[in-house]
Amino acid sequence: MHTPASGTAAAATGEWNTPVLSVQVPVKHLAPGYRVAKRLLDVVVASVALVLFAPLMLLIAIAIKLDSPGPVLFKQTRIGKGGKPFCFIKFRSMVRNAEQMKRDLLPRNEVRGGPVFKMRNDPRVTRVGRFLRRYSLDELPQLLHVLRGEMSLVGPRPPLPSEVASYGEWEMRRLSVTPGLTCLWQISGRSDIGFREWVELDHIYIDTMSFWTDLKILIFTVPAVLSGRGAC
């Protein structure tokens, strides 16, 4: 997909070579002070959250096993900063053969104008999975990615390799920063937003990244998740 850069995307300086494409990185966002503060926030919050949510995560694992056959965790390759792939984990919220079923469901994709597939009332989602996805509880294992530095608390959501394969230069800019658990898309309606608007929100975040921006997004994520708006 090739889309002209919007007015919200500032001109980038510098370049980061990746195995996929050349990803533009705004040099102003590579300031050591911000990087250190962001990483410290990631480690502290992820560590505390893993301890606090450990009993809940155990209950979720038991519920998944009782609800449907298959593993507790779903593993998938995602693309991180600079186009680097990593093994992405989350609680399994779909039936075991969900990837095979996806081919038949592609015509029912509800995300406008892009390679991302999402649909409400997806028949692949289990009973427990529907509850987990509504409140983003299936994402809790990704706190481990935050501790490992593969993800951050705040940043664009990590895409699939098949999605990145259709990116143009405009979309590739999403890969210039570390992907995150939450982002402007997460607090702005999630699946109610079309793909172009989603990428534009990621551009806005990249252009305005700061420690306080990250804190504000984290704070607004709580009511957004509790409302279940745009979840599917």
Protein backbone atom coordinates (compact mmCIF):
# COMPACT_ATOMS: atom_id res chain seq x y z
CA MET A 1 0.00 0.00 0.00
CA HIS A 2 1.42 3.37 -1.01
CA THR A 3 -0.12 6.41 0.62
CA PRO A 4 1.25 9.96 0.52
CA ALA A 5 2.49 11.30 3.83
CA SER A 6 -0.14 13.32 5.67
CA GLY A 7 0.32 16.79 7.09
CA THR A 8 0.72 15.29 10.55
CA ALA A 9 3.93 13.50 9.63
CA ALA A 10 6.99 15.68 10.12
CA ALA A 11 9.94 15.40 7.75
CA ALA A 12 12.32 12.70 8.94
CA THR A 13 16.05 12.99 9.10
CA GLY A 14 18.36 10.04 9.35
CA GLU A 15 17.81 6.50 8.18
CA TRP A 16 17.56 3.01 9.69
CA ASN A 17 18.28 0.09 7.38
CA THR A 18 16.01 -2.95 7.78
CA PRO A 19 15.55 -6.30 6.05
CA VAL A 20 12.19 -5.05 4.73
CA LEU A 21 12.60 -1.44 3.63
CA SER A 22 14.49 1.66 4.67
CA VAL A 23 12.68 3.01 7.74
CA GLN A 24 12.89 6.73 8.42
CA VAL A 25 13.71 7.61 12.03
CA PRO A 26 13.24 11.13 13.44
CA VAL A 27 16.61 11.93 15.04
CA LYS A 28 15.01 14.22 17.63
CA HIS A 29 13.36 11.16 19.18
CA LEU A 30 16.68 9.40 19.75
CA ALA A 31 17.64 11.69 22.64
CA PRO A 32 19.23 9.55 25.38
CA GLY A 33 17.22 11.22 28.17
CA TYR A 34 13.88 10.26 26.68
CA ARG A 35 15.03 6.77 25.75
CA VAL A 36 16.31 6.12 29.29
CA ALA A 37 13.13 7.48 30.90
CA LYS A 38 10.90 5.50 28.54
CA ARG A 39 12.83 2.29 29.17
CA LEU A 40 12.77 2.83 32.93
CA LEU A 41 9.01 3.37 32.83
CA ASP A 42 8.60 0.20 30.76
CA VAL A 43 10.64 -1.97 33.12
CA VAL A 44 9.08 -0.65 36.34
CA VAL A 45 5.45 -0.76 35.17
CA ALA A 46 5.79 -4.13 33.39
CA SER A 47 7.51 -5.71 36.41
CA VAL A 48 4.89 -4.46 38.87
CA ALA A 49 2.01 -5.37 36.54
CA LEU A 50 3.28 -8.93 36.05
CA VAL A 51 3.39 -9.42 39.83
CA LEU A 52 -0.04 -7.84 40.43
CA PHE A 53 -1.73 -9.64 37.55
CA ALA A 54 -0.10 -13.04 38.17
CA PRO A 55 -3.19 -14.50 39.96
CA LEU A 56 -5.49 -13.15 37.23
CA MET A 57 -3.26 -14.58 34.51
CA LEU A 58 -3.38 -17.99 36.20
CA LEU A 59 -7.19 -17.85 36.27
CA ILE A 60 -7.26 -16.84 32.60
CA ALA A 61 -5.00 -19.77 31.70
CA ILE A 62 -7.30 -22.20 33.52
CA ALA A 63 -10.41 -20.70 31.87
CA ILE A 64 -8.86 -21.02 28.40
CA LYS A 65 -7.98 -24.70 28.98
CA LEU A 66 -11.48 -25.48 30.25
CA ASP A 67 -13.23 -23.58 27.46
CA SER A 68 -11.67 -25.07 24.33
CA PRO A 69 -8.91 -27.48 23.23
CA GLY A 70 -5.54 -25.99 22.40
CA PRO A 71 -2.62 -24.19 24.04
CA VAL A 72 -3.06 -21.39 26.56
CA LEU A 73 -0.75 -19.05 24.63
CA PHE A 74 -0.99 -18.04 20.98
CA LYS A 75 2.35 -17.44 19.28
CA GLN A 76 2.83 -15.46 16.09
CA THR A 77 5.61 -13.67 14.23
CA ARG A 78 5.29 -9.89 14.40
CA ILE A 79 7.51 -7.10 13.08
CA GLY A 80 9.22 -4.81 15.55
CA LYS A 81 11.38 -1.71 15.39
CA GLY A 82 13.51 -1.42 12.29
CA GLY A 83 11.69 -4.31 10.61
CA LYS A 84 13.07 -6.91 13.04
CA PRO A 85 10.74 -9.92 13.52
CA PHE A 86 10.04 -11.39 16.95
CA CYS A 87 7.90 -14.18 18.40
CA PHE A 88 4.79 -12.45 19.72
CA ILE A 89 2.66 -14.07 22.45
CA LYS A 90 -0.80 -13.46 23.83
CA PHE A 91 -3.47 -15.51 25.54
CA ARG A 92 -5.27 -17.67 22.97
CA SER A 93 -8.71 -16.19 22.30
CA MET A 94 -9.60 -18.20 19.19
CA VAL A 95 -10.14 -21.81 18.21
CA ARG A 96 -7.08 -23.91 17.43
CA ASN A 97 -7.47 -23.75 13.61
CA ALA A 98 -8.17 -19.99 13.49
CA GLU A 99 -5.41 -19.23 10.97
CA GLN A 100 -6.79 -21.77 8.50
CA MET A 101 -10.33 -20.39 8.89
CA LYS A 102 -9.13 -16.84 8.26
CA ARG A 103 -8.82 -17.40 4.48
CA ASP A 104 -12.57 -17.99 4.17
CA LEU A 105 -13.36 -14.94 6.31
CA LEU A 106 -11.19 -12.39 4.47
CA PRO A 107 -14.16 -11.01 2.42
CA ARG A 108 -15.82 -10.07 5.73
CA ASN A 109 -12.94 -7.86 6.92
CA GLU A 110 -14.31 -4.76 8.68
CA VAL A 111 -11.12 -2.66 8.75
CA ARG A 112 -11.43 -0.08 6.00
CA GLY A 113 -8.70 0.39 3.42
CA GLY A 114 -5.78 -1.68 4.66
CA PRO A 115 -4.13 -5.08 5.15
CA VAL A 116 -5.28 -5.56 8.77
CA PHE A 117 -8.04 -8.14 9.31
CA LYS A 118 -10.62 -7.62 12.06
CA MET A 119 -14.32 -8.41 12.27
CA ARG A 120 -17.00 -8.26 14.93
CA ASN A 121 -18.66 -11.54 15.82
CA ASP A 122 -15.68 -13.43 14.45
CA PRO A 123 -16.75 -17.11 14.54
CA ARG A 124 -13.21 -18.15 15.45
CA VAL A 125 -13.32 -16.40 18.83
CA THR A 126 -14.10 -18.63 21.82
CA ARG A 127 -16.49 -17.76 24.64
CA VAL A 128 -13.64 -16.96 27.02
CA GLY A 129 -11.76 -15.28 24.19
CA ARG A 130 -14.59 -12.86 23.54
CA PHE A 131 -14.40 -11.63 27.13
CA LEU A 132 -10.60 -11.44 27.06
CA ARG A 133 -10.56 -9.45 23.82
CA ARG A 134 -13.25 -7.03 24.98
CA TYR A 135 -11.10 -5.92 27.91
CA SER A 136 -7.69 -6.56 26.27
CA LEU A 137 -6.84 -9.22 28.87
CA ASP A 138 -5.44 -11.43 26.12
CA GLU A 139 -2.62 -8.90 25.77
CA LEU A 140 -1.25 -9.35 29.33
CA PRO A 141 1.53 -11.81 28.35
CA GLN A 142 3.01 -9.06 26.17
CA LEU A 143 4.32 -7.47 29.35
CA LEU A 144 7.15 -10.02 28.95
CA HIS A 145 7.98 -8.46 25.57
CA VAL A 146 8.16 -5.08 27.31
CA LEU A 147 10.66 -6.42 29.85
CA ARG A 148 12.77 -7.92 27.03
CA GLY A 149 12.74 -4.63 25.12
CA GLU A 150 10.96 -6.06 22.07
CA MET A 151 7.97 -3.84 22.87
CA SER A 152 7.28 -0.74 24.92
CA LEU A 153 4.23 0.17 26.99
CA VAL A 154 3.36 2.83 24.41
CA GLY A 155 3.97 2.65 20.67
CA PRO A 156 2.36 1.54 17.40
CA ARG A 157 0.93 -1.97 17.54
CA PRO A 158 3.32 -4.55 15.99
CA PRO A 159 2.11 -5.68 12.54
CA LEU A 160 2.18 -9.07 10.87
CA PRO A 161 4.82 -9.78 8.18
CA SER A 162 2.00 -10.14 5.62
CA GLU A 163 0.77 -6.65 6.51
CA VAL A 164 4.24 -5.12 6.26
CA ALA A 165 4.69 -6.73 2.84
CA SER A 166 1.99 -4.38 1.49
CA TYR A 167 3.35 -1.24 3.19
CA GLY A 168 4.61 1.74 1.25
CA GLU A 169 7.08 4.28 2.65
CA TRP A 170 4.32 6.11 4.52
CA GLU A 171 3.17 3.02 6.42
CA MET A 172 6.74 1.81 6.98
CA ARG A 173 7.38 4.79 9.24
CA ARG A 174 5.38 2.91 11.90
CA LEU A 175 8.40 0.62 12.23
CA SER A 176 10.77 3.48 13.08
CA VAL A 177 9.92 3.18 16.79
CA THR A 178 9.48 0.32 19.25
CA PRO A 179 5.97 -1.19 19.05
CA GLY A 180 3.75 -0.90 22.09
CA LEU A 181 1.01 -2.44 24.17
CA THR A 182 -1.13 0.67 23.77
CA CYS A 183 -1.20 3.65 21.44
CA LEU A 184 -3.40 6.50 20.20
CA TRP A 185 -5.37 3.94 18.15
CA GLN A 186 -6.12 1.97 21.32
CA ILE A 187 -7.62 5.00 23.09
CA SER A 188 -9.40 6.41 20.02
CA GLY A 189 -11.80 3.60 19.15
CA ARG A 190 -9.62 0.66 18.07
CA SER A 191 -11.46 -1.33 15.39
CA ASP A 192 -13.94 1.50 14.80
CA ILE A 193 -11.07 3.31 13.03
CA GLY A 194 -10.03 2.68 9.42
CA PHE A 195 -6.48 1.67 8.55
CA ARG A 196 -5.49 5.05 7.09
CA GLU A 197 -6.67 6.86 10.21
CA TRP A 198 -4.84 4.26 12.31
CA VAL A 199 -1.56 4.98 10.54
CA GLU A 200 -2.14 8.72 10.81
CA LEU A 201 -2.53 8.35 14.58
CA ASP A 202 0.76 6.45 14.69
CA HIS A 203 2.41 9.28 12.73
CA ILE A 204 1.06 11.80 15.23
CA TYR A 205 2.54 9.75 18.08
CA ILE A 206 5.93 9.49 16.36
CA ASP A 207 5.97 13.25 15.75
CA THR A 208 5.03 14.12 19.35
CA MET A 209 6.77 11.38 21.36
CA SER A 210 7.69 12.43 24.88
CA PHE A 211 7.64 10.99 28.38
CA TRP A 212 4.50 12.97 29.21
CA THR A 213 2.77 11.85 26.01
CA ASP A 214 3.44 8.23 27.00
CA LEU A 215 2.06 8.84 30.49
CA LYS A 216 -1.11 10.47 29.14
CA ILE A 217 -1.73 7.60 26.72
CA LEU A 218 -1.26 5.08 29.54
CA ILE A 219 -3.74 6.97 31.73
CA PHE A 220 -6.35 7.20 28.96
CA THR A 221 -5.87 3.51 28.14
CA VAL A 222 -7.52 2.45 31.40
CA PRO A 223 -11.02 3.89 30.69
CA ALA A 224 -10.70 2.95 27.00
CA VAL A 225 -10.08 -0.70 27.86
CA LEU A 226 -12.75 -0.81 30.57
CA SER A 227 -15.33 0.59 28.15
CA GLY A 228 -14.60 -2.17 25.62
CA ARG A 229 -15.16 0.31 22.81
CA GLY A 230 -14.00 -0.86 19.39
CA ALA A 231 -12.95 -4.29 20.64
CA CYS A 232 -13.37 -7.25 18.30
